[in-house]
Protein backbone atom coordinates (compact mmCIF):
# COMPACT_ATOMS: atom_id res chain seq x y z
CA MET A 1 -62.63 -112.75 -34.36
CA ALA A 2 -61.44 -111.17 -37.62
CA GLN A 3 -59.56 -108.50 -35.67
CA ARG A 4 -57.78 -111.13 -33.56
CA THR A 5 -56.89 -113.13 -36.66
CA GLY A 6 -55.47 -110.01 -38.30
CA ARG A 7 -53.33 -109.29 -35.25
CA LEU A 8 -52.07 -112.87 -35.19
CA ASP A 9 -51.18 -112.76 -38.89
CA ALA A 10 -49.34 -109.47 -38.41
CA LEU A 11 -47.44 -110.91 -35.46
CA VAL A 12 -46.36 -114.05 -37.29
CA GLU A 13 -45.41 -112.15 -40.44
CA ASP A 14 -43.22 -109.66 -38.55
CA GLU A 15 -39.61 -110.22 -39.54
CA ARG A 16 -38.38 -110.10 -35.93
CA VAL A 17 -40.87 -112.70 -34.74
CA ASN A 18 -40.16 -114.85 -37.79
CA ALA A 19 -36.41 -114.62 -37.16
CA GLY A 20 -36.84 -115.45 -33.46
CA LEU A 21 -38.89 -118.55 -34.19
CA SER A 22 -36.45 -119.61 -36.91
CA TRP A 23 -33.45 -119.25 -34.61
CA LEU A 24 -35.22 -121.34 -31.96
CA LEU A 25 -35.69 -124.08 -34.53
CA VAL A 26 -32.02 -123.84 -35.54
CA GLY A 27 -31.20 -124.28 -31.86
CA PHE A 28 -33.34 -127.42 -31.81
CA LEU A 29 -31.46 -128.78 -34.84
CA LEU A 30 -28.13 -128.16 -33.09
CA ILE A 31 -29.39 -130.05 -30.03
CA VAL A 32 -30.25 -132.99 -32.31
CA VAL A 33 -26.74 -132.80 -33.79
CA ALA A 34 -25.19 -132.94 -30.31
CA GLU A 35 -27.45 -135.84 -29.27
CA SER A 36 -26.61 -137.74 -32.47
CA LEU A 37 -22.89 -137.25 -31.89
CA LEU A 38 -23.19 -138.49 -28.31
CA SER A 39 -25.05 -141.59 -29.51
CA ALA A 40 -22.43 -142.15 -32.26
CA ASP A 41 -25.00 -141.63 -35.03
CA LEU A 42 -22.51 -139.74 -37.17
CA LEU A 43 -24.39 -139.84 -40.48
CA TRP A 44 -27.54 -138.37 -38.95
CA ALA A 45 -25.48 -135.74 -37.13
CA VAL A 46 -23.93 -134.69 -40.44
CA PHE A 47 -27.33 -134.56 -42.16
CA VAL A 48 -29.04 -132.48 -39.46
CA GLY A 49 -25.96 -130.27 -39.21
CA PHE A 50 -26.20 -129.64 -42.95
CA VAL A 51 -29.86 -128.58 -42.60
CA ALA A 52 -28.90 -126.19 -39.78
CA THR A 53 -26.04 -124.80 -41.87
CA LEU A 54 -28.35 -124.10 -44.80
CA ALA A 55 -30.71 -122.30 -42.44
CA VAL A 56 -28.05 -119.86 -41.24
CA ILE A 57 -26.51 -119.09 -44.64
CA PRO A 58 -28.83 -116.10 -45.39
CA PRO A 59 -28.22 -114.24 -42.09
CA LEU A 60 -24.48 -114.86 -42.41
CA ALA A 61 -24.41 -113.77 -46.06
CA TYR A 62 -26.39 -110.58 -45.40
CA ARG A 63 -24.93 -110.00 -41.93
CA ASN A 64 -28.43 -109.58 -40.57
CA ALA A 65 -29.86 -111.93 -37.96
CA GLU A 66 -33.39 -111.20 -39.20
CA ALA A 67 -32.70 -112.42 -42.75
CA MET A 68 -34.00 -115.87 -41.89
CA LEU A 69 -36.06 -118.44 -43.72
CA PRO A 70 -39.77 -118.54 -42.84
CA TRP A 71 -40.23 -120.41 -39.59
CA GLU A 72 -42.72 -122.72 -41.32
CA VAL A 73 -39.94 -124.03 -43.58
CA LEU A 74 -37.81 -124.95 -40.60
CA VAL A 75 -40.80 -126.48 -38.80
CA LEU A 76 -41.32 -128.75 -41.81
CA GLY A 77 -37.64 -129.65 -41.59
CA ALA A 78 -37.65 -130.17 -37.84
CA LEU A 79 -40.80 -132.29 -37.53
CA PRO A 80 -39.47 -135.30 -39.47
CA ILE A 81 -36.19 -135.00 -37.55
CA LEU A 82 -38.11 -135.07 -34.28
CA GLY A 83 -40.21 -137.95 -35.58
CA ARG A 84 -37.12 -139.95 -36.43
CA ALA A 85 -35.65 -139.31 -32.99
CA LEU A 86 -38.83 -140.60 -31.33
CA ALA A 87 -39.57 -143.41 -33.78
CA THR A 88 -39.41 -146.96 -32.47
CA LEU A 89 -40.06 -148.82 -35.74
CA ALA A 90 -37.39 -148.94 -38.44
CA LEU A 91 -39.97 -148.23 -41.16
CA THR A 92 -41.20 -145.12 -39.36
CA SER A 93 -37.63 -143.98 -38.81
CA ARG A 94 -36.69 -144.35 -42.49
CA LEU A 95 -39.87 -142.60 -43.60
CA ALA A 96 -39.05 -139.69 -41.30
CA THR A 97 -35.54 -139.62 -42.76
CA TYR A 98 -36.80 -139.14 -46.30
CA LEU A 99 -39.40 -136.62 -45.23
CA SER A 100 -36.41 -134.74 -43.81
CA VAL A 101 -34.70 -135.08 -47.18
CA ALA A 102 -37.78 -133.55 -48.82
CA ALA A 103 -37.74 -130.74 -46.26
CA LEU A 104 -34.06 -130.15 -47.10
CA ALA A 105 -34.97 -129.79 -50.77
CA LEU A 106 -37.70 -127.34 -49.75
CA VAL A 107 -35.15 -125.26 -47.82
CA VAL A 108 -32.87 -125.13 -50.87
CA ALA A 109 -35.75 -124.13 -53.15
CA VAL A 110 -36.91 -121.34 -50.83
CA GLU A 111 -33.39 -119.98 -50.46
CA LEU A 112 -32.85 -119.96 -54.22
CA HIS A 113 -36.23 -118.31 -54.78
CA VAL A 114 -35.71 -115.59 -52.17
CA PHE A 115 -31.98 -114.96 -51.88
CA SER A 116 -30.83 -115.40 -55.48
CA PRO A 117 -31.80 -114.07 -58.92
CA VAL A 118 -33.19 -117.52 -59.82
CA ARG A 119 -36.89 -117.41 -60.72
CA MET A 120 -38.88 -120.58 -61.37
CA THR A 121 -42.10 -121.17 -63.26
CA HIS A 122 -44.92 -122.86 -61.34
CA TRP A 123 -44.39 -126.35 -62.76
CA PHE A 124 -40.59 -126.11 -62.59
CA ALA A 125 -40.70 -125.12 -58.91
CA ILE A 126 -42.48 -128.37 -58.05
CA LEU A 127 -40.25 -130.41 -60.38
CA PHE A 128 -37.12 -128.83 -58.88
CA VAL A 129 -38.08 -129.84 -55.34
CA VAL A 130 -38.97 -133.40 -56.44
CA ILE A 131 -35.75 -133.90 -58.40
CA THR A 132 -33.64 -132.37 -55.62
CA THR A 133 -35.26 -134.72 -53.11
CA ILE A 134 -34.61 -137.79 -55.25
CA ALA A 135 -31.03 -136.70 -55.93
CA THR A 136 -30.39 -136.10 -52.23
CA ALA A 137 -31.88 -139.51 -51.43
CA GLY A 138 -29.52 -141.06 -53.96
CA VAL A 139 -26.49 -139.36 -52.40
CA TRP A 140 -27.70 -140.42 -48.96
CA ALA A 141 -28.00 -144.04 -50.14
CA ILE A 142 -24.43 -143.96 -51.45
CA VAL A 143 -23.19 -142.53 -48.15
CA GLU A 144 -25.04 -145.28 -46.26
CA TRP A 145 -23.55 -147.95 -48.53
CA LEU A 146 -20.02 -146.60 -48.09
CA SER A 147 -20.58 -146.54 -44.34
CA ASP A 148 -21.74 -150.17 -44.41
CA VAL A 149 -18.73 -151.23 -46.46
CA TYR A 150 -15.98 -149.32 -44.68
CA LEU A 151 -17.37 -148.71 -41.18
CA GLY A 152 -19.27 -151.94 -40.66
CA THR A 153 -22.65 -150.30 -40.15
CA GLN A 154 -25.92 -151.87 -41.35
CA PHE A 155 -27.94 -149.05 -42.82
CA ILE A 156 -28.92 -150.88 -46.03
CA HIS A 157 -30.66 -154.16 -45.24
CA SER A 158 -31.90 -155.08 -48.72
CA GLU A 159 -32.33 -153.71 -52.23
CA HIS A 160 -36.11 -154.03 -51.76
CA LEU A 161 -36.10 -151.63 -48.81
CA LEU A 162 -33.72 -149.33 -50.67
CA MET A 163 -36.18 -149.04 -53.55
CA TRP A 164 -38.96 -148.21 -51.09
CA ASP A 165 -36.70 -145.49 -49.71
CA PHE A 166 -36.71 -143.86 -53.14
CA VAL A 167 -40.50 -144.18 -53.28
CA TYR A 168 -40.73 -142.39 -49.92
CA ALA A 169 -38.34 -139.72 -51.16
CA THR A 170 -40.34 -139.17 -54.36
CA VAL A 171 -43.66 -138.86 -52.52
CA GLY A 172 -42.12 -136.58 -49.90
CA GLY A 173 -40.53 -134.45 -52.63
CA LEU A 174 -43.85 -134.11 -54.44
CA LEU A 175 -45.59 -132.99 -51.25
CA ALA A 176 -42.78 -130.52 -50.49
CA GLY A 177 -42.94 -129.17 -54.05
CA VAL A 178 -46.68 -128.53 -53.77
CA VAL A 179 -46.18 -126.83 -50.39
CA PHE A 180 -43.47 -124.63 -51.88
CA GLU A 181 -45.57 -123.59 -54.87
CA VAL A 182 -48.94 -123.15 -53.16
CA TYR A 183 -47.91 -121.80 -49.75
CA PHE A 184 -44.55 -120.06 -50.02
CA ARG A 185 -45.09 -118.55 -53.48
CA ARG A 186 -48.79 -117.78 -53.45
CA VAL A 187 -50.39 -117.71 -49.98
CA VAL A 188 -47.54 -116.29 -47.89
CA PRO A 189 -44.76 -114.88 -50.11
CA VAL A 190 -41.45 -115.37 -48.33
CA GLU A 191 -40.26 -111.86 -49.23
CA THR A 192 -42.72 -110.33 -46.75
CA ARG A 193 -40.67 -111.78 -43.88
CA LEU A 194 -37.40 -110.06 -44.84
CA PRO A 195 -36.00 -106.81 -43.38
CA THR A 196 -36.28 -103.83 -45.73
CA GLU A 197 -32.53 -103.54 -46.36
CA VAL A 198 -32.33 -107.22 -47.30
CA LYS A 199 -35.29 -106.87 -49.68
CA GLU A 200 -33.49 -104.01 -51.44
CA ARG A 201 -30.30 -106.06 -51.83
CA VAL A 202 -32.19 -109.10 -53.13
CA ARG A 203 -33.94 -107.03 -55.80
């Protein structure tokens, strides 16, 4: 059993396998973008497109298709997006939206940690993800309000629900921050998934 587990870990940690899984998830995000455009859900298309764009920045910057984020990061980003697409209740849909916002903050934190000279202390890493999530939720609320005012949509139904949106975003950001600190900085360091030439450039 231990031997099988070791082989599985080696397989998942291989940069080629990691990149392949990550690109598949980017493909899924692009499908969601296309579906959202066809259903005239422009705001959601822009949001998911932004997540996909962030995901492909490292391989474009380093001109290496294997310089991808860990596939787990993109899974965390894709699951709430899938949940929102399948949700039938408005509350579930909005919760999935802000879990996606938290996942977006996680993507930004991982990219800064791995592909830039920025280094964060343990407590600041969690705080950064939480604050980024809340800030993104605030920008998203403004975009929804502008859409309601100028496009006639009805994204914001009441101030009460809007405040709960920020509660969802804060809780989601806290969970994402803990995942970033415990998993991606301690258990499975992201740097192990990068090609050798990219590791040398990042250093």
